[in-house]
């Protein structure tokens, strides 16, 4: 993991609005557009090693599962932010909560 990739992931996660989420794969896709590397597992590794200072609870699996080992804390944060959850309250309703940054175009 190089510093540029770590910074790109953390910078993107900081931009996710309260009550919204991004999947690990979506983070990898958005960051990869500019850096041409990485995947969901690498994003997970970045978040596990360096994500404590950013809203880590806003990064979930594509199915809405919360960060492994941190489900209770993540759920508490997401509920406080008003994030849409599944009917049983154990996952994020990704269809309603997914966020993606607007594309930037070079001029």
N, C-alpha and C. Protein backbone atom coordinates (compact mmCIF):
# COMPACT_ATOMS: atom_id res chain seq x y z
N UNK A 1 0.84 -1.18 0.00
CA UNK A 1 0.00 0.00 0.00
C UNK A 1 0.88 1.24 0.00
N UNK A 2 0.69 2.05 -0.97
CA UNK A 2 1.49 3.28 -0.97
C UNK A 2 0.69 4.44 -0.37
N UNK A 3 1.42 5.45 0.05
CA UNK A 3 0.81 6.60 0.73
C UNK A 3 -0.24 7.29 -0.13
N UNK A 4 0.01 7.38 -1.43
CA UNK A 4 -0.92 8.07 -2.33
C UNK A 4 -2.27 7.36 -2.34
N UNK A 5 -2.26 6.03 -2.40
CA UNK A 5 -3.50 5.26 -2.40
C UNK A 5 -4.22 5.41 -1.06
N UNK A 6 -3.48 5.30 0.03
CA UNK A 6 -4.08 5.44 1.36
C UNK A 6 -4.75 6.80 1.49
N UNK A 7 -4.05 7.86 1.11
CA UNK A 7 -4.61 9.21 1.18
C UNK A 7 -5.85 9.36 0.31
N UNK A 8 -5.83 8.77 -0.88
CA UNK A 8 -6.98 8.87 -1.78
C UNK A 8 -8.20 8.19 -1.18
N UNK A 9 -8.01 7.02 -0.59
CA UNK A 9 -9.13 6.30 0.04
C UNK A 9 -9.67 7.10 1.21
N UNK A 10 -8.79 7.55 2.10
CA UNK A 10 -9.23 8.28 3.29
C UNK A 10 -9.91 9.59 2.93
N UNK A 11 -9.39 10.27 1.92
CA UNK A 11 -9.98 11.52 1.47
C UNK A 11 -11.40 11.30 0.94
N UNK A 12 -11.58 10.23 0.18
CA UNK A 12 -12.92 9.93 -0.34
C UNK A 12 -13.87 9.57 0.78
N UNK A 13 -13.44 8.74 1.72
CA UNK A 13 -14.31 8.34 2.83
C UNK A 13 -14.72 9.56 3.66
N UNK A 14 -13.82 10.52 3.83
CA UNK A 14 -14.16 11.74 4.56
C UNK A 14 -15.29 12.51 3.89
N UNK A 15 -15.44 12.36 2.59
CA UNK A 15 -16.46 13.10 1.83
C UNK A 15 -17.83 12.44 1.84
N UNK A 16 -17.94 11.20 2.29
CA UNK A 16 -19.25 10.53 2.32
C UNK A 16 -20.14 11.28 3.30
N UNK A 17 -21.30 11.75 2.84
CA UNK A 17 -22.18 12.51 3.74
C UNK A 17 -22.76 11.64 4.86
N UNK A 18 -23.08 12.27 5.96
CA UNK A 18 -23.74 11.58 7.07
C UNK A 18 -25.01 10.92 6.57
N UNK A 19 -25.26 9.70 7.04
CA UNK A 19 -26.45 8.96 6.65
C UNK A 19 -26.34 8.25 5.31
N UNK A 20 -25.21 8.35 4.67
CA UNK A 20 -24.99 7.70 3.37
C UNK A 20 -23.80 6.75 3.51
N UNK A 21 -23.65 5.84 2.56
CA UNK A 21 -22.57 4.86 2.60
C UNK A 21 -21.98 4.64 1.21
N UNK A 22 -20.80 4.05 1.20
CA UNK A 22 -20.20 3.55 -0.03
C UNK A 22 -19.74 2.13 0.24
N UNK A 23 -19.84 1.28 -0.75
CA UNK A 23 -19.33 -0.08 -0.65
C UNK A 23 -17.82 -0.06 -0.86
N UNK A 24 -17.14 -1.02 -0.27
CA UNK A 24 -15.69 -1.13 -0.45
C UNK A 24 -15.33 -1.12 -1.93
N UNK A 25 -16.08 -1.87 -2.73
CA UNK A 25 -15.81 -1.94 -4.17
C UNK A 25 -16.02 -0.62 -4.88
N UNK A 26 -17.00 0.15 -4.44
CA UNK A 26 -17.25 1.45 -5.05
C UNK A 26 -16.13 2.42 -4.71
N UNK A 27 -15.67 2.37 -3.47
CA UNK A 27 -14.52 3.21 -3.09
C UNK A 27 -13.33 2.85 -3.97
N UNK A 28 -13.08 1.55 -4.13
CA UNK A 28 -11.95 1.10 -4.97
C UNK A 28 -12.11 1.57 -6.40
N UNK A 29 -13.32 1.50 -6.91
CA UNK A 29 -13.58 1.93 -8.29
C UNK A 29 -13.33 3.42 -8.46
N UNK A 30 -13.86 4.23 -7.56
CA UNK A 30 -13.71 5.68 -7.66
C UNK A 30 -12.24 6.08 -7.51
N UNK A 31 -11.56 5.53 -6.52
CA UNK A 31 -10.15 5.85 -6.32
C UNK A 31 -9.32 5.31 -7.47
N UNK A 32 -9.66 4.13 -7.94
CA UNK A 32 -8.92 3.50 -9.03
C UNK A 32 -9.01 4.25 -10.34
N UNK A 33 -10.08 5.04 -10.51
CA UNK A 33 -10.22 5.82 -11.75
C UNK A 33 -9.05 6.77 -11.91
N UNK A 34 -8.53 7.28 -10.80
CA UNK A 34 -7.42 8.22 -10.91
C UNK A 34 -6.06 7.55 -10.67
N UNK A 35 -6.05 6.48 -9.89
CA UNK A 35 -4.77 5.85 -9.55
C UNK A 35 -4.55 4.51 -10.24
N UNK A 36 -5.57 3.97 -10.90
CA UNK A 36 -5.47 2.73 -11.67
C UNK A 36 -4.90 1.56 -10.86
N UNK A 37 -5.37 1.40 -9.66
CA UNK A 37 -4.96 0.24 -8.86
C UNK A 37 -5.91 0.05 -7.69
N UNK A 38 -5.80 -1.11 -7.07
CA UNK A 38 -6.57 -1.40 -5.87
C UNK A 38 -7.90 -2.07 -6.15
N UNK A 39 -8.47 -2.65 -5.13
CA UNK A 39 -9.76 -3.32 -5.20
C UNK A 39 -10.39 -3.27 -3.82
N UNK A 40 -11.55 -3.92 -3.66
CA UNK A 40 -12.26 -3.87 -2.38
C UNK A 40 -11.42 -4.35 -1.19
N UNK A 41 -10.63 -5.39 -1.39
CA UNK A 41 -9.83 -5.90 -0.28
C UNK A 41 -8.76 -4.90 0.14
N UNK A 42 -8.18 -4.21 -0.82
CA UNK A 42 -7.17 -3.20 -0.49
C UNK A 42 -7.82 -2.04 0.25
N UNK A 43 -9.02 -1.65 -0.17
CA UNK A 43 -9.75 -0.60 0.55
C UNK A 43 -10.00 -1.05 1.99
N UNK A 44 -10.40 -2.31 2.16
CA UNK A 44 -10.61 -2.85 3.50
C UNK A 44 -9.34 -2.80 4.34
N UNK A 45 -8.21 -3.10 3.72
CA UNK A 45 -6.93 -3.05 4.43
C UNK A 45 -6.59 -1.62 4.83
N UNK A 46 -6.84 -0.68 3.93
CA UNK A 46 -6.60 0.73 4.26
C UNK A 46 -7.47 1.14 5.44
N UNK A 47 -8.75 0.78 5.38
CA UNK A 47 -9.66 1.18 6.44
C UNK A 47 -9.27 0.53 7.77
N UNK A 48 -8.86 -0.73 7.74
CA UNK A 48 -8.46 -1.43 8.97
C UNK A 48 -7.21 -0.81 9.58
N UNK A 49 -6.28 -0.39 8.75
CA UNK A 49 -5.01 0.14 9.25
C UNK A 49 -5.03 1.63 9.55
N UNK A 50 -5.80 2.40 8.76
CA UNK A 50 -5.70 3.86 8.85
C UNK A 50 -7.05 4.57 9.00
N UNK A 51 -8.15 3.84 9.03
CA UNK A 51 -9.47 4.46 8.95
C UNK A 51 -10.04 5.03 10.21
N UNK A 52 -9.34 4.94 11.32
CA UNK A 52 -9.88 5.41 12.59
C UNK A 52 -10.20 6.89 12.66
N UNK A 53 -9.54 7.69 11.83
CA UNK A 53 -9.74 9.14 11.88
C UNK A 53 -10.79 9.65 10.91
N UNK A 54 -11.39 8.76 10.14
CA UNK A 54 -12.43 9.12 9.17
C UNK A 54 -13.71 8.38 9.54
N UNK A 55 -14.86 8.73 8.94
CA UNK A 55 -16.12 8.04 9.27
C UNK A 55 -16.17 6.63 8.67
N UNK A 56 -15.37 5.73 9.24
CA UNK A 56 -15.20 4.37 8.75
C UNK A 56 -16.51 3.59 8.68
N UNK A 57 -17.47 3.93 9.53
CA UNK A 57 -18.75 3.21 9.56
C UNK A 57 -19.57 3.44 8.29
N UNK A 58 -19.19 4.39 7.48
CA UNK A 58 -19.90 4.67 6.23
C UNK A 58 -19.40 3.83 5.06
N UNK A 59 -18.48 2.92 5.32
CA UNK A 59 -18.00 2.00 4.28
C UNK A 59 -18.48 0.60 4.65
N UNK A 60 -19.28 0.01 3.76
CA UNK A 60 -19.92 -1.27 4.03
C UNK A 60 -19.71 -2.19 2.83
N UNK A 61 -20.16 -3.43 2.97
CA UNK A 61 -20.10 -4.35 1.83
C UNK A 61 -21.21 -3.98 0.84
N UNK A 62 -21.12 -4.54 -0.36
CA UNK A 62 -22.12 -4.26 -1.39
C UNK A 62 -23.52 -4.70 -0.95
N UNK A 63 -23.59 -5.68 -0.04
CA UNK A 63 -24.88 -6.15 0.44
C UNK A 63 -25.35 -5.39 1.68
N UNK A 64 -24.56 -4.41 2.14
CA UNK A 64 -24.95 -3.61 3.28
C UNK A 64 -24.45 -4.10 4.62
N UNK A 65 -23.63 -5.17 4.61
CA UNK A 65 -23.07 -5.64 5.88
C UNK A 65 -22.12 -4.60 6.45
N UNK A 66 -22.12 -4.49 7.76
CA UNK A 66 -21.29 -3.51 8.45
C UNK A 66 -19.87 -4.02 8.62
N UNK A 67 -18.91 -3.13 8.90
CA UNK A 67 -17.51 -3.55 9.01
C UNK A 67 -17.35 -4.68 10.03
N UNK A 68 -16.76 -5.80 9.62
CA UNK A 68 -16.62 -6.97 10.49
C UNK A 68 -15.87 -6.63 11.79
N UNK A 69 -16.44 -7.07 12.89
CA UNK A 69 -15.85 -6.82 14.19
C UNK A 69 -16.24 -5.48 14.79
N UNK A 70 -16.89 -4.65 14.00
CA UNK A 70 -17.27 -3.31 14.46
C UNK A 70 -18.75 -3.04 14.19
N UNK A 71 -19.53 -4.10 14.07
CA UNK A 71 -20.93 -3.96 13.70
C UNK A 71 -21.73 -3.11 14.69
N UNK A 72 -21.53 -3.32 15.98
CA UNK A 72 -22.31 -2.60 16.99
C UNK A 72 -22.01 -1.11 16.93
N UNK A 73 -20.73 -0.75 16.90
CA UNK A 73 -20.35 0.66 16.85
C UNK A 73 -20.79 1.31 15.55
N UNK A 74 -20.64 0.59 14.44
CA UNK A 74 -21.05 1.13 13.13
C UNK A 74 -22.56 1.35 13.10
N UNK A 75 -23.32 0.38 13.59
CA UNK A 75 -24.77 0.51 13.60
C UNK A 75 -25.20 1.70 14.46
N UNK A 76 -24.57 1.88 15.59
CA UNK A 76 -24.88 3.02 16.46
C UNK A 76 -24.67 4.35 15.72
N UNK A 77 -23.54 4.47 15.02
CA UNK A 77 -23.24 5.70 14.27
C UNK A 77 -24.24 5.92 13.14
N UNK A 78 -24.52 4.85 12.39
CA UNK A 78 -25.42 4.97 11.23
C UNK A 78 -26.85 5.31 11.66
N UNK A 79 -27.32 4.70 12.74
CA UNK A 79 -28.65 5.02 13.25
C UNK A 79 -28.71 6.48 13.68
N UNK A 80 -27.67 6.96 14.36
CA UNK A 80 -27.63 8.35 14.80
C UNK A 80 -27.66 9.32 13.61
N UNK A 81 -27.11 8.88 12.48
CA UNK A 81 -27.10 9.72 11.27
C UNK A 81 -28.36 9.59 10.44
N UNK A 82 -29.25 8.66 10.81
CA UNK A 82 -30.49 8.48 10.06
C UNK A 82 -30.31 7.67 8.78
N UNK A 83 -29.30 6.83 8.74
CA UNK A 83 -29.04 6.01 7.55
C UNK A 83 -30.16 4.97 7.38
N UNK A 84 -30.66 4.79 6.16
CA UNK A 84 -31.69 3.77 5.92
C UNK A 84 -31.12 2.37 6.16
N UNK A 85 -31.87 1.57 6.91
CA UNK A 85 -31.45 0.21 7.23
C UNK A 85 -32.41 -0.80 6.63
N UNK A 86 -31.99 -2.05 6.63
CA UNK A 86 -32.84 -3.15 6.19
C UNK A 86 -34.00 -3.28 7.19
N UNK A 87 -35.09 -3.98 6.79
CA UNK A 87 -36.22 -4.12 7.71
C UNK A 87 -35.86 -4.72 9.07
N UNK A 88 -34.86 -5.63 9.10
CA UNK A 88 -34.49 -6.22 10.38
C UNK A 88 -33.46 -5.37 11.14
N UNK A 89 -33.01 -4.26 10.55
CA UNK A 89 -32.12 -3.34 11.22
C UNK A 89 -30.68 -3.80 11.38
N UNK A 90 -30.27 -4.83 10.65
CA UNK A 90 -28.92 -5.35 10.81
C UNK A 90 -27.97 -4.96 9.67
N UNK A 91 -28.52 -4.43 8.60
CA UNK A 91 -27.72 -4.04 7.44
C UNK A 91 -28.18 -2.67 6.96
N UNK A 92 -27.34 -2.07 6.15
CA UNK A 92 -27.71 -0.81 5.50
C UNK A 92 -28.55 -1.14 4.27
N UNK A 93 -29.57 -0.36 4.02
CA UNK A 93 -30.34 -0.48 2.78
C UNK A 93 -29.53 0.27 1.72
N UNK A 94 -28.65 -0.47 1.05
CA UNK A 94 -27.69 0.14 0.13
C UNK A 94 -28.40 0.84 -1.03
N UNK A 95 -29.51 0.32 -1.47
CA UNK A 95 -30.22 0.98 -2.59
C UNK A 95 -30.62 2.40 -2.24
N UNK A 96 -30.98 2.63 -1.00
CA UNK A 96 -31.40 3.97 -0.58
C UNK A 96 -30.26 4.81 -0.02
N UNK A 97 -29.24 4.17 0.52
CA UNK A 97 -28.19 4.91 1.23
C UNK A 97 -26.91 5.12 0.42
N UNK A 98 -26.79 4.45 -0.72
CA UNK A 98 -25.53 4.54 -1.47
C UNK A 98 -25.24 5.96 -1.94
N UNK A 99 -23.99 6.33 -1.84
CA UNK A 99 -23.52 7.65 -2.29
C UNK A 99 -22.35 7.46 -3.23
N UNK A 100 -22.30 8.29 -4.22
CA UNK A 100 -21.17 8.29 -5.14
C UNK A 100 -20.85 9.75 -5.46
N UNK A 101 -19.58 10.12 -5.41
CA UNK A 101 -19.25 11.52 -5.71
C UNK A 101 -19.55 11.86 -7.15
N UNK A 102 -19.84 13.11 -7.36
CA UNK A 102 -20.07 13.56 -8.75
C UNK A 102 -18.75 13.51 -9.49
N UNK A 103 -18.80 13.10 -10.74
CA UNK A 103 -17.55 13.05 -11.50
C UNK A 103 -17.00 14.46 -11.73
N UNK A 104 -15.69 14.52 -11.72
CA UNK A 104 -15.03 15.78 -12.05
C UNK A 104 -14.43 15.62 -13.44
N UNK A 105 -14.54 16.65 -14.22
CA UNK A 105 -14.03 16.59 -15.59
C UNK A 105 -12.94 17.63 -15.75
N UNK A 106 -11.85 17.19 -16.33
CA UNK A 106 -10.78 18.14 -16.63
C UNK A 106 -11.20 19.00 -17.80
N UNK A 107 -10.85 20.25 -17.76
CA UNK A 107 -11.22 21.14 -18.85
C UNK A 107 -10.03 21.46 -19.69
